[in-house]
Amino acid sequence: MKNRDYRKIKMLIEQEIASGNLNDLKKLSDFLNEQIALYKEPDKELYTRDIEGNERFDILGLALIEFLTVPTYGLKFFRNDLVNAIKKIKNLKRPVLVFDSIGIGKTILLQEKGIGARTIGKYEHALNQYGYSLNQPLSKEQIEQFKIYQKKFIV
């Protein structure tokens, strides 16, 4: 919320209190709670598992460059270097998926040209939001489940 918006809302509340009209304040409270709920809802997607307990394989199936283009991750300058480094390390001929970077290791990536600790830290933070890590590889069970997911949903 911008400071200007806050001041307007505060002014309206003070006017309603002065007039003694508490019904409008109740309506305003309900409206604000609805607005807050709208912004909290997407946060549920930040966990590895959804409500039914299913793994978030949709994140693993994303092309890494697509995953890194989300503005909140702050990797707008070095994402191509990161993708190219993982492609080189894994010797991939296809586009690099987020799946390819899980468990690769921070120290291995830091050895690549054009990749610094800050870039690695930001990418690790982005992965951590979904319950994944550069240093912790997926279990065999997760890998098998991801392969099944790919066959079903990724063409």
N, C-alpha and C. Protein backbone atom coordinates (compact mmCIF):
# COMPACT_ATOMS: atom_id res chain seq x y z
N MET A 1 0.85 -1.17 0.00
CA MET A 1 0.00 0.00 0.00
C MET A 1 0.89 1.23 0.00
N LYS A 2 0.53 2.17 -0.81
CA LYS A 2 1.29 3.41 -0.88
C LYS A 2 0.91 4.31 0.29
N ASN A 3 1.83 5.17 0.68
CA ASN A 3 1.62 6.07 1.80
C ASN A 3 0.40 6.97 1.55
N ARG A 4 0.23 7.40 0.31
CA ARG A 4 -0.91 8.25 -0.05
C ARG A 4 -2.23 7.52 0.19
N ASP A 5 -2.30 6.24 -0.20
CA ASP A 5 -3.50 5.44 0.01
C ASP A 5 -3.77 5.27 1.51
N TYR A 6 -2.73 5.02 2.25
CA TYR A 6 -2.87 4.87 3.70
C TYR A 6 -3.47 6.13 4.32
N ARG A 7 -2.95 7.28 3.91
CA ARG A 7 -3.46 8.55 4.47
C ARG A 7 -4.94 8.75 4.13
N LYS A 8 -5.34 8.41 2.90
CA LYS A 8 -6.75 8.54 2.50
C LYS A 8 -7.64 7.64 3.34
N ILE A 9 -7.23 6.40 3.51
CA ILE A 9 -8.02 5.45 4.29
C ILE A 9 -8.11 5.92 5.74
N LYS A 10 -6.99 6.37 6.28
CA LYS A 10 -6.98 6.86 7.66
C LYS A 10 -7.93 8.06 7.81
N MET A 11 -7.92 8.97 6.83
CA MET A 11 -8.79 10.14 6.87
C MET A 11 -10.27 9.71 6.84
N LEU A 12 -10.61 8.76 5.98
CA LEU A 12 -11.99 8.25 5.90
C LEU A 12 -12.42 7.61 7.22
N ILE A 13 -11.53 6.86 7.81
CA ILE A 13 -11.85 6.21 9.08
C ILE A 13 -12.10 7.25 10.16
N GLU A 14 -11.25 8.25 10.22
CA GLU A 14 -11.43 9.31 11.22
C GLU A 14 -12.74 10.06 11.02
N GLN A 15 -13.12 10.29 9.76
CA GLN A 15 -14.39 10.96 9.47
C GLN A 15 -15.58 10.10 9.92
N GLU A 16 -15.49 8.81 9.68
CA GLU A 16 -16.58 7.91 10.06
C GLU A 16 -16.70 7.81 11.58
N ILE A 17 -15.57 7.78 12.26
CA ILE A 17 -15.59 7.73 13.73
C ILE A 17 -16.22 9.01 14.27
N ALA A 18 -15.84 10.15 13.69
CA ALA A 18 -16.38 11.44 14.14
C ALA A 18 -17.90 11.51 13.92
N SER A 19 -18.39 10.93 12.81
CA SER A 19 -19.82 10.97 12.53
C SER A 19 -20.58 9.89 13.30
N GLY A 20 -19.87 8.94 13.86
CA GLY A 20 -20.51 7.88 14.64
C GLY A 20 -21.13 6.78 13.80
N ASN A 21 -20.82 6.73 12.52
CA ASN A 21 -21.37 5.72 11.63
C ASN A 21 -20.44 4.50 11.60
N LEU A 22 -20.66 3.53 12.47
CA LEU A 22 -19.80 2.36 12.58
C LEU A 22 -20.11 1.29 11.53
N ASN A 23 -21.30 1.33 10.93
CA ASN A 23 -21.63 0.37 9.87
C ASN A 23 -20.68 0.49 8.69
N ASP A 24 -20.39 1.73 8.28
CA ASP A 24 -19.47 1.94 7.17
C ASP A 24 -18.06 1.47 7.51
N LEU A 25 -17.67 1.63 8.77
CA LEU A 25 -16.35 1.14 9.19
C LEU A 25 -16.28 -0.39 9.11
N LYS A 26 -17.36 -1.05 9.46
CA LYS A 26 -17.42 -2.51 9.36
C LYS A 26 -17.30 -2.94 7.90
N LYS A 27 -18.00 -2.23 7.00
CA LYS A 27 -17.90 -2.54 5.57
C LYS A 27 -16.48 -2.31 5.06
N LEU A 28 -15.86 -1.22 5.49
CA LEU A 28 -14.48 -0.93 5.09
C LEU A 28 -13.54 -2.01 5.61
N SER A 29 -13.73 -2.45 6.83
CA SER A 29 -12.90 -3.51 7.41
C SER A 29 -13.03 -4.80 6.59
N ASP A 30 -14.25 -5.16 6.25
CA ASP A 30 -14.48 -6.36 5.44
C ASP A 30 -13.82 -6.25 4.07
N PHE A 31 -13.96 -5.07 3.45
CA PHE A 31 -13.35 -4.85 2.14
C PHE A 31 -11.83 -4.99 2.22
N LEU A 32 -11.21 -4.37 3.21
CA LEU A 32 -9.76 -4.43 3.36
C LEU A 32 -9.29 -5.87 3.63
N ASN A 33 -10.04 -6.60 4.43
CA ASN A 33 -9.68 -7.99 4.69
C ASN A 33 -9.76 -8.84 3.43
N GLU A 34 -10.73 -8.57 2.58
CA GLU A 34 -10.85 -9.27 1.30
C GLU A 34 -9.65 -8.95 0.40
N GLN A 35 -9.25 -7.68 0.38
CA GLN A 35 -8.11 -7.28 -0.44
C GLN A 35 -6.82 -7.93 0.04
N ILE A 36 -6.65 -7.99 1.34
CA ILE A 36 -5.47 -8.64 1.91
C ILE A 36 -5.47 -10.12 1.56
N ALA A 37 -6.61 -10.76 1.63
CA ALA A 37 -6.72 -12.19 1.31
C ALA A 37 -6.36 -12.45 -0.15
N LEU A 38 -6.70 -11.53 -1.05
CA LEU A 38 -6.35 -11.69 -2.46
C LEU A 38 -4.84 -11.76 -2.66
N TYR A 39 -4.11 -10.97 -1.90
CA TYR A 39 -2.65 -10.95 -2.05
C TYR A 39 -1.97 -12.07 -1.30
N LYS A 40 -2.62 -12.65 -0.32
CA LYS A 40 -2.04 -13.77 0.41
C LYS A 40 -2.25 -15.09 -0.31
N GLU A 41 -3.29 -15.19 -1.12
CA GLU A 41 -3.63 -16.45 -1.78
C GLU A 41 -2.49 -17.04 -2.61
N PRO A 42 -1.78 -16.27 -3.47
CA PRO A 42 -0.72 -16.87 -4.28
C PRO A 42 0.43 -17.44 -3.46
N ASP A 43 0.61 -16.99 -2.22
CA ASP A 43 1.70 -17.49 -1.40
C ASP A 43 1.58 -18.99 -1.15
N LYS A 44 0.38 -19.55 -1.23
CA LYS A 44 0.22 -20.98 -1.03
C LYS A 44 1.00 -21.77 -2.07
N GLU A 45 1.22 -21.19 -3.24
CA GLU A 45 1.93 -21.88 -4.30
C GLU A 45 3.43 -21.94 -4.06
N LEU A 46 3.92 -21.27 -3.04
CA LEU A 46 5.36 -21.24 -2.80
C LEU A 46 5.86 -22.50 -2.12
N TYR A 47 4.99 -23.40 -1.76
CA TYR A 47 5.42 -24.61 -1.09
C TYR A 47 5.58 -25.73 -2.11
N THR A 48 6.42 -26.68 -1.77
CA THR A 48 6.70 -27.78 -2.67
C THR A 48 5.46 -28.61 -2.95
N ARG A 49 4.62 -28.76 -1.96
CA ARG A 49 3.44 -29.59 -2.12
C ARG A 49 2.18 -28.72 -2.12
N ASP A 50 1.20 -29.16 -2.88
CA ASP A 50 -0.06 -28.43 -2.89
C ASP A 50 -0.97 -28.95 -1.78
N ILE A 51 -2.22 -28.54 -1.78
CA ILE A 51 -3.16 -28.90 -0.71
C ILE A 51 -3.35 -30.42 -0.60
N GLU A 52 -3.36 -31.11 -1.71
CA GLU A 52 -3.54 -32.56 -1.69
C GLU A 52 -2.25 -33.29 -1.34
N GLY A 53 -1.14 -32.57 -1.17
CA GLY A 53 0.14 -33.20 -0.83
C GLY A 53 0.96 -33.61 -2.04
N ASN A 54 0.57 -33.14 -3.21
CA ASN A 54 1.32 -33.47 -4.43
C ASN A 54 2.53 -32.57 -4.59
N GLU A 55 3.61 -33.14 -5.10
CA GLU A 55 4.84 -32.39 -5.34
C GLU A 55 4.60 -31.32 -6.40
N ARG A 56 5.33 -30.21 -6.33
CA ARG A 56 5.19 -29.12 -7.30
C ARG A 56 6.09 -29.37 -8.51
N PHE A 57 5.76 -30.37 -9.31
CA PHE A 57 6.56 -30.71 -10.47
C PHE A 57 6.41 -29.70 -11.60
N ASP A 58 5.36 -28.86 -11.55
CA ASP A 58 5.22 -27.84 -12.57
C ASP A 58 6.40 -26.87 -12.53
N ILE A 59 6.95 -26.62 -11.34
CA ILE A 59 8.11 -25.74 -11.22
C ILE A 59 9.33 -26.42 -11.82
N LEU A 60 9.51 -27.71 -11.53
CA LEU A 60 10.67 -28.44 -12.05
C LEU A 60 10.62 -28.56 -13.57
N GLY A 61 9.43 -28.58 -14.14
CA GLY A 61 9.28 -28.72 -15.58
C GLY A 61 9.41 -27.44 -16.37
N LEU A 62 9.53 -26.31 -15.67
CA LEU A 62 9.70 -25.03 -16.37
C LEU A 62 11.09 -24.91 -16.97
N ALA A 63 11.16 -24.26 -18.12
CA ALA A 63 12.47 -23.92 -18.67
C ALA A 63 13.13 -22.95 -17.69
N LEU A 64 14.40 -23.14 -17.42
CA LEU A 64 15.09 -22.32 -16.42
C LEU A 64 15.05 -20.84 -16.78
N ILE A 65 15.20 -20.52 -18.04
CA ILE A 65 15.18 -19.11 -18.44
C ILE A 65 13.80 -18.50 -18.16
N GLU A 66 12.73 -19.29 -18.32
CA GLU A 66 11.38 -18.82 -18.02
C GLU A 66 11.21 -18.62 -16.51
N PHE A 67 11.72 -19.55 -15.72
CA PHE A 67 11.65 -19.44 -14.27
C PHE A 67 12.39 -18.20 -13.78
N LEU A 68 13.51 -17.89 -14.39
CA LEU A 68 14.33 -16.76 -13.95
C LEU A 68 13.80 -15.41 -14.43
N THR A 69 12.86 -15.40 -15.37
CA THR A 69 12.33 -14.13 -15.85
C THR A 69 11.29 -13.53 -14.92
N VAL A 70 10.90 -14.27 -13.89
CA VAL A 70 9.98 -13.71 -12.90
C VAL A 70 10.69 -12.54 -12.23
N PRO A 71 10.13 -11.34 -12.29
CA PRO A 71 10.83 -10.13 -11.81
C PRO A 71 11.24 -10.16 -10.34
N THR A 72 10.54 -10.89 -9.51
CA THR A 72 10.85 -10.85 -8.08
C THR A 72 12.15 -11.55 -7.72
N TYR A 73 12.70 -12.35 -8.61
CA TYR A 73 13.93 -13.06 -8.28
C TYR A 73 15.17 -12.20 -8.42
N GLY A 74 15.10 -11.09 -9.13
CA GLY A 74 16.22 -10.17 -9.24
C GLY A 74 17.39 -10.69 -10.05
N LEU A 75 17.16 -11.58 -10.99
CA LEU A 75 18.25 -12.15 -11.79
C LEU A 75 18.18 -11.70 -13.24
N LYS A 76 17.84 -10.44 -13.46
CA LYS A 76 17.61 -10.03 -14.84
C LYS A 76 18.89 -9.90 -15.65
N PHE A 77 20.06 -9.78 -15.02
CA PHE A 77 21.28 -9.58 -15.79
C PHE A 77 22.06 -10.87 -16.03
N PHE A 78 22.05 -11.81 -15.11
CA PHE A 78 22.93 -12.96 -15.20
C PHE A 78 22.21 -14.27 -15.50
N ARG A 79 20.94 -14.21 -15.86
CA ARG A 79 20.21 -15.45 -16.06
C ARG A 79 20.75 -16.25 -17.24
N ASN A 80 21.18 -15.60 -18.32
CA ASN A 80 21.73 -16.34 -19.46
C ASN A 80 23.02 -17.04 -19.08
N ASP A 81 23.86 -16.38 -18.27
CA ASP A 81 25.10 -17.01 -17.82
C ASP A 81 24.80 -18.25 -16.99
N LEU A 82 23.81 -18.16 -16.14
CA LEU A 82 23.43 -19.29 -15.29
C LEU A 82 22.90 -20.45 -16.14
N VAL A 83 22.04 -20.15 -17.07
CA VAL A 83 21.49 -21.19 -17.95
C VAL A 83 22.60 -21.84 -18.77
N ASN A 84 23.48 -21.03 -19.34
CA ASN A 84 24.58 -21.57 -20.15
C ASN A 84 25.53 -22.43 -19.31
N ALA A 85 25.78 -22.02 -18.08
CA ALA A 85 26.67 -22.79 -17.21
C ALA A 85 26.07 -24.16 -16.90
N ILE A 86 24.80 -24.19 -16.58
CA ILE A 86 24.14 -25.47 -16.26
C ILE A 86 24.08 -26.35 -17.51
N LYS A 87 23.83 -25.74 -18.64
CA LYS A 87 23.80 -26.49 -19.91
C LYS A 87 25.16 -27.13 -20.18
N LYS A 88 26.22 -26.38 -19.90
CA LYS A 88 27.59 -26.87 -20.11
C LYS A 88 27.93 -27.98 -19.10
N ILE A 89 27.62 -27.75 -17.83
CA ILE A 89 27.93 -28.73 -16.79
C ILE A 89 27.20 -30.05 -17.03
N LYS A 90 25.94 -29.98 -17.39
CA LYS A 90 25.12 -31.18 -17.60
C LYS A 90 25.23 -31.72 -19.03
N ASN A 91 25.94 -30.99 -19.90
CA ASN A 91 26.12 -31.38 -21.29
C ASN A 91 24.77 -31.65 -21.97
N LEU A 92 23.90 -30.64 -21.91
CA LEU A 92 22.54 -30.75 -22.44
C LEU A 92 22.44 -30.18 -23.85
N LYS A 93 21.68 -30.85 -24.67
CA LYS A 93 21.40 -30.37 -26.02
C LYS A 93 20.02 -29.70 -26.08
N ARG A 94 19.17 -30.00 -25.13
CA ARG A 94 17.83 -29.44 -25.05
C ARG A 94 17.83 -28.21 -24.14
N PRO A 95 16.70 -27.49 -24.09
CA PRO A 95 16.62 -26.35 -23.16
C PRO A 95 16.77 -26.82 -21.71
N VAL A 96 17.40 -26.00 -20.90
CA VAL A 96 17.65 -26.32 -19.50
C VAL A 96 16.36 -26.11 -18.70
N LEU A 97 16.00 -27.12 -17.92
CA LEU A 97 14.84 -27.04 -17.04
C LEU A 97 15.30 -26.74 -15.62
N VAL A 98 14.41 -26.27 -14.79
CA VAL A 98 14.72 -26.06 -13.38
C VAL A 98 15.19 -27.38 -12.78
N PHE A 99 14.58 -28.48 -13.20
CA PHE A 99 14.94 -29.82 -12.76
C PHE A 99 16.44 -30.09 -12.90
N ASP A 100 17.04 -29.59 -13.98
CA ASP A 100 18.45 -29.84 -14.24
C ASP A 100 19.38 -29.17 -13.23
N SER A 101 18.91 -28.12 -12.59
CA SER A 101 19.77 -27.39 -11.67
C SER A 101 19.69 -27.88 -10.23
N ILE A 102 18.64 -28.62 -9.89
CA ILE A 102 18.45 -29.10 -8.52
C ILE A 102 19.57 -30.07 -8.17
N GLY A 103 20.26 -29.78 -7.07
CA GLY A 103 21.32 -30.66 -6.59
C GLY A 103 22.66 -30.52 -7.29
N ILE A 104 22.79 -29.55 -8.17
CA ILE A 104 24.04 -29.39 -8.93
C ILE A 104 25.18 -28.91 -8.04
N GLY A 105 24.87 -28.17 -7.01
CA GLY A 105 25.88 -27.69 -6.06
C GLY A 105 26.31 -26.26 -6.33
N LYS A 106 26.32 -25.47 -5.25
CA LYS A 106 26.71 -24.07 -5.38
C LYS A 106 28.17 -23.92 -5.78
N THR A 107 29.05 -24.74 -5.21
CA THR A 107 30.49 -24.59 -5.49
C THR A 107 30.81 -24.90 -6.95
N ILE A 108 30.11 -25.84 -7.52
CA ILE A 108 30.32 -26.16 -8.94
C ILE A 108 29.92 -24.99 -9.81
N LEU A 109 28.77 -24.38 -9.50
CA LEU A 109 28.32 -23.23 -10.28
C LEU A 109 29.24 -22.02 -10.11
N LEU A 110 29.77 -21.84 -8.92
CA LEU A 110 30.66 -20.70 -8.67
C LEU A 110 31.96 -20.79 -9.47
N GLN A 111 32.33 -21.97 -9.89
CA GLN A 111 33.54 -22.15 -10.69
C GLN A 111 33.35 -21.71 -12.14
N GLU A 112 32.12 -21.54 -12.55
CA GLU A 112 31.83 -21.15 -13.93
C GLU A 112 32.04 -19.66 -14.14
N LYS A 113 32.50 -19.31 -15.32
CA LYS A 113 32.76 -17.92 -15.68
C LYS A 113 31.44 -17.14 -15.77
N GLY A 114 31.42 -15.95 -15.19
CA GLY A 114 30.25 -15.07 -15.26
C GLY A 114 29.21 -15.32 -14.18
N ILE A 115 29.48 -16.26 -13.28
CA ILE A 115 28.53 -16.56 -12.21
C ILE A 115 29.18 -16.22 -10.88
N GLY A 116 28.53 -15.34 -10.14
CA GLY A 116 29.05 -14.93 -8.85
C GLY A 116 28.20 -15.44 -7.70
N ALA A 117 28.70 -15.21 -6.50
CA ALA A 117 28.00 -15.67 -5.30
C ALA A 117 26.62 -15.02 -5.16
N ARG A 118 26.52 -13.79 -5.58
CA ARG A 118 25.24 -13.08 -5.48
C ARG A 118 24.18 -13.71 -6.39
N THR A 119 24.57 -14.04 -7.60
CA THR A 119 23.66 -14.69 -8.54
C THR A 119 23.21 -16.04 -7.99
N ILE A 120 24.17 -16.81 -7.48
CA ILE A 120 23.85 -18.12 -6.91
C ILE A 120 22.92 -17.96 -5.72
N GLY A 121 23.20 -16.98 -4.87
CA GLY A 121 22.36 -16.74 -3.70
C GLY A 121 20.93 -16.41 -4.07
N LYS A 122 20.76 -15.57 -5.07
CA LYS A 122 19.41 -15.19 -5.50
C LYS A 122 18.67 -16.38 -6.11
N TYR A 123 19.38 -17.18 -6.90
CA TYR A 123 18.74 -18.35 -7.50
C TYR A 123 18.40 -19.37 -6.42
N GLU A 124 19.29 -19.57 -5.48
CA GLU A 124 19.02 -20.51 -4.38
C GLU A 124 17.80 -20.06 -3.59
N HIS A 125 17.70 -18.76 -3.35
CA HIS A 125 16.54 -18.22 -2.63
C HIS A 125 15.25 -18.50 -3.40
N ALA A 126 15.29 -18.32 -4.71
CA ALA A 126 14.11 -18.59 -5.54
C ALA A 126 13.72 -20.07 -5.46
N LEU A 127 14.70 -20.96 -5.51
CA LEU A 127 14.42 -22.39 -5.40
C LEU A 127 13.87 -22.75 -4.02
N ASN A 128 14.44 -22.14 -3.00
CA ASN A 128 14.01 -22.43 -1.63
C ASN A 128 12.54 -22.09 -1.40
N GLN A 129 12.03 -21.11 -2.12
CA GLN A 129 10.61 -20.75 -1.99
C GLN A 129 9.70 -21.91 -2.38
N TYR A 130 10.22 -22.81 -3.20
CA TYR A 130 9.44 -23.96 -3.63
C TYR A 130 9.89 -25.26 -2.97
N GLY A 131 10.82 -25.15 -2.03
CA GLY A 131 11.28 -26.33 -1.30
C GLY A 131 12.42 -27.08 -1.98
N TYR A 132 13.07 -26.49 -2.95
CA TYR A 132 14.18 -27.13 -3.64
C TYR A 132 15.48 -26.40 -3.34
N SER A 133 16.61 -27.03 -3.69
CA SER A 133 17.91 -26.43 -3.40
C SER A 133 18.94 -26.84 -4.44
N LEU A 134 19.95 -25.98 -4.61
CA LEU A 134 21.06 -26.31 -5.50
C LEU A 134 21.94 -27.41 -4.89
N ASN A 135 22.01 -27.46 -3.57
CA ASN A 135 22.90 -28.41 -2.91
C ASN A 135 22.25 -29.74 -2.56
N GLN A 136 20.94 -29.81 -2.55
CA GLN A 136 20.26 -31.04 -2.16
C GLN A 136 19.58 -31.65 -3.37
N PRO A 137 20.08 -32.78 -3.84
CA PRO A 137 19.47 -33.42 -5.01
C PRO A 137 18.10 -34.01 -4.69
N LEU A 138 17.34 -34.22 -5.73
CA LEU A 138 16.03 -34.87 -5.57
C LEU A 138 16.24 -36.34 -5.24
N SER A 139 15.29 -36.91 -4.51
CA SER A 139 15.37 -38.34 -4.22
C SER A 139 15.02 -39.13 -5.48
N LYS A 140 15.36 -40.40 -5.47
CA LYS A 140 15.04 -41.26 -6.62
C LYS A 140 13.54 -41.29 -6.86
N GLU A 141 12.78 -41.30 -5.77
CA GLU A 141 11.32 -41.31 -5.88
C GLU A 141 10.81 -40.03 -6.55
N GLN A 142 11.36 -38.89 -6.15
CA GLN A 142 10.96 -37.61 -6.75
C GLN A 142 11.31 -37.58 -8.24
N ILE A 143 12.47 -38.10 -8.59
CA ILE A 143 12.88 -38.13 -10.01
C ILE A 143 11.93 -38.99 -10.82
N GLU A 144 11.58 -40.15 -10.30
CA GLU A 144 10.65 -41.04 -11.00
C GLU A 144 9.28 -40.38 -11.15
N GLN A 145 8.81 -39.74 -10.08
CA GLN A 145 7.52 -39.06 -10.15
C GLN A 145 7.56 -37.91 -11.14
N PHE A 146 8.69 -37.19 -11.22
CA PHE A 146 8.81 -36.10 -12.17
C PHE A 146 8.78 -36.62 -13.61
N LYS A 147 9.41 -37.76 -13.85
CA LYS A 147 9.38 -38.34 -15.19
C LYS A 147 7.96 -38.72 -15.60
N ILE A 148 7.20 -39.25 -14.66
CA ILE A 148 5.79 -39.57 -14.93
C ILE A 148 5.02 -38.29 -15.21
N TYR A 149 5.28 -37.25 -14.41
CA TYR A 149 4.63 -35.95 -14.62
C TYR A 149 4.94 -35.41 -16.01
N GLN A 150 6.20 -35.52 -16.44
CA GLN A 150 6.60 -35.04 -17.77
C GLN A 150 5.82 -35.76 -18.87
N LYS A 151 5.70 -37.05 -18.74
CA LYS A 151 4.99 -37.82 -19.77
C LYS A 151 3.52 -37.44 -19.86
N LYS A 152 2.93 -37.14 -18.70
CA LYS A 152 1.51 -36.79 -18.67
C LYS A 152 1.23 -35.37 -19.15
N PHE A 153 2.04 -34.42 -18.68
CA PHE A 153 1.68 -33.01 -18.85
C PHE A 153 2.58 -32.19 -19.77
N ILE A 154 3.78 -32.64 -20.00
CA ILE A 154 4.69 -31.85 -20.84
C ILE A 154 4.85 -32.55 -22.18
N VAL A 155 4.53 -31.83 -23.20
CA VAL A 155 4.57 -32.39 -24.55
C VAL A 155 5.90 -32.10 -25.18
